[in-house]
Amino acid sequence: MTDHPAPLAPPITTRFQVLFGPDGAARIVLFADTSAEDRPIATLDLDAADGDLLARLLTTRRATYDEQRRNHEAGAQQ
């Protein structure tokens, strides 16, 4: 049996960036929460199939949020 040290807590991130390539591949970049210039701390590369799935999920989620906002605004105006 091998003892493994407890992992260090991951850094807190302030934002992320999703980049889509012309071939459907995608890259997600996480940035550290520092007072200095944004510093990438992790990158995840996705193949075209996963990049396309991510794009569809983000588009669907955005549409859902927009619909919820419109419904909330319509209810507040009544």
Protein backbone atom coordinates (compact mmCIF):
# COMPACT_ATOMS: atom_id res chain seq x y z
CA MET A 1 0.00 0.00 0.00
CA THR A 2 1.31 3.41 -0.97
CA ASP A 3 0.46 6.53 0.99
CA HIS A 4 -0.45 9.44 -1.25
CA PRO A 5 -0.16 12.98 0.09
CA ALA A 6 -3.35 14.98 0.27
CA PRO A 7 -3.72 17.13 -2.85
CA LEU A 8 -3.20 20.83 -2.52
CA ALA A 9 -6.33 22.92 -2.78
CA PRO A 10 -6.76 24.12 -6.35
CA PRO A 11 -6.36 27.85 -6.88
CA ILE A 12 -9.52 29.94 -7.01
CA THR A 13 -10.33 31.00 -10.53
CA THR A 14 -11.79 34.32 -11.54
CA ARG A 15 -12.80 33.45 -15.05
CA PHE A 16 -12.49 31.06 -17.90
CA GLN A 17 -12.29 31.34 -21.65
CA VAL A 18 -13.65 28.92 -24.24
CA LEU A 19 -11.99 28.95 -27.63
CA PHE A 20 -13.53 27.18 -30.62
CA GLY A 21 -11.44 26.34 -33.67
CA PRO A 22 -12.67 26.16 -37.26
CA ASP A 23 -12.55 22.36 -37.14
CA GLY A 24 -14.90 22.16 -34.11
CA ALA A 25 -12.16 21.48 -31.59
CA ALA A 26 -12.29 23.56 -28.42
CA ARG A 27 -10.00 24.68 -25.63
CA ILE A 28 -11.07 25.80 -22.16
CA VAL A 29 -8.59 27.96 -20.26
CA LEU A 30 -8.95 28.71 -16.52
CA PHE A 31 -7.33 31.82 -15.06
CA ALA A 32 -6.05 32.27 -11.50
CA ASP A 33 -7.58 34.73 -9.06
CA THR A 34 -4.69 37.10 -8.53
CA SER A 35 -4.35 40.84 -8.24
CA ALA A 36 -1.78 40.73 -11.00
CA GLU A 37 -2.32 40.11 -14.69
CA ASP A 38 -4.53 37.14 -15.59
CA ARG A 39 -2.48 33.96 -15.44
CA PRO A 40 -3.68 30.73 -17.07
CA ILE A 41 -3.56 27.86 -14.57
CA ALA A 42 -5.20 25.04 -16.53
CA THR A 43 -6.10 24.19 -20.09
CA LEU A 44 -8.45 21.49 -21.34
CA ASP A 45 -8.38 20.57 -25.02
CA LEU A 46 -11.52 18.97 -26.49
CA ASP A 47 -11.80 17.09 -29.76
CA ALA A 48 -14.32 18.22 -32.40
CA ALA A 49 -17.17 16.01 -31.10
CA ASP A 50 -16.80 17.23 -27.52
CA GLY A 51 -16.26 20.82 -28.73
CA ASP A 52 -19.53 20.66 -30.69
CA LEU A 53 -21.34 19.18 -27.69
CA LEU A 54 -20.00 21.95 -25.45
CA ALA A 55 -21.12 24.61 -27.95
CA ARG A 56 -24.65 23.14 -28.07
CA LEU A 57 -24.85 22.93 -24.28
CA LEU A 58 -23.68 26.53 -23.84
CA THR A 59 -26.12 27.77 -26.49
CA THR A 60 -29.04 25.90 -24.89
CA ARG A 61 -28.12 27.15 -21.42
CA ARG A 62 -27.85 30.75 -22.68
CA ALA A 63 -31.30 30.49 -24.30
CA THR A 64 -32.75 29.11 -21.06
CA TYR A 65 -31.27 31.99 -19.03
CA ASP A 66 -32.59 34.54 -21.53
CA GLU A 67 -36.09 33.02 -21.36
CA GLN A 68 -36.04 33.03 -17.56
CA ARG A 69 -34.95 36.69 -17.56
CA ARG A 70 -37.74 37.66 -19.98
CA ASN A 71 -40.33 35.80 -17.89
CA HIS A 72 -39.08 37.48 -14.72
CA GLU A 73 -39.21 40.92 -16.35
CA ALA A 74 -42.70 40.26 -17.72
CA GLY A 75 -43.89 39.20 -14.26
CA ALA A 76 -42.39 42.32 -12.65
CA GLN A 77 -44.24 44.58 -15.10
CA GLN A 78 -47.67 43.18 -14.19
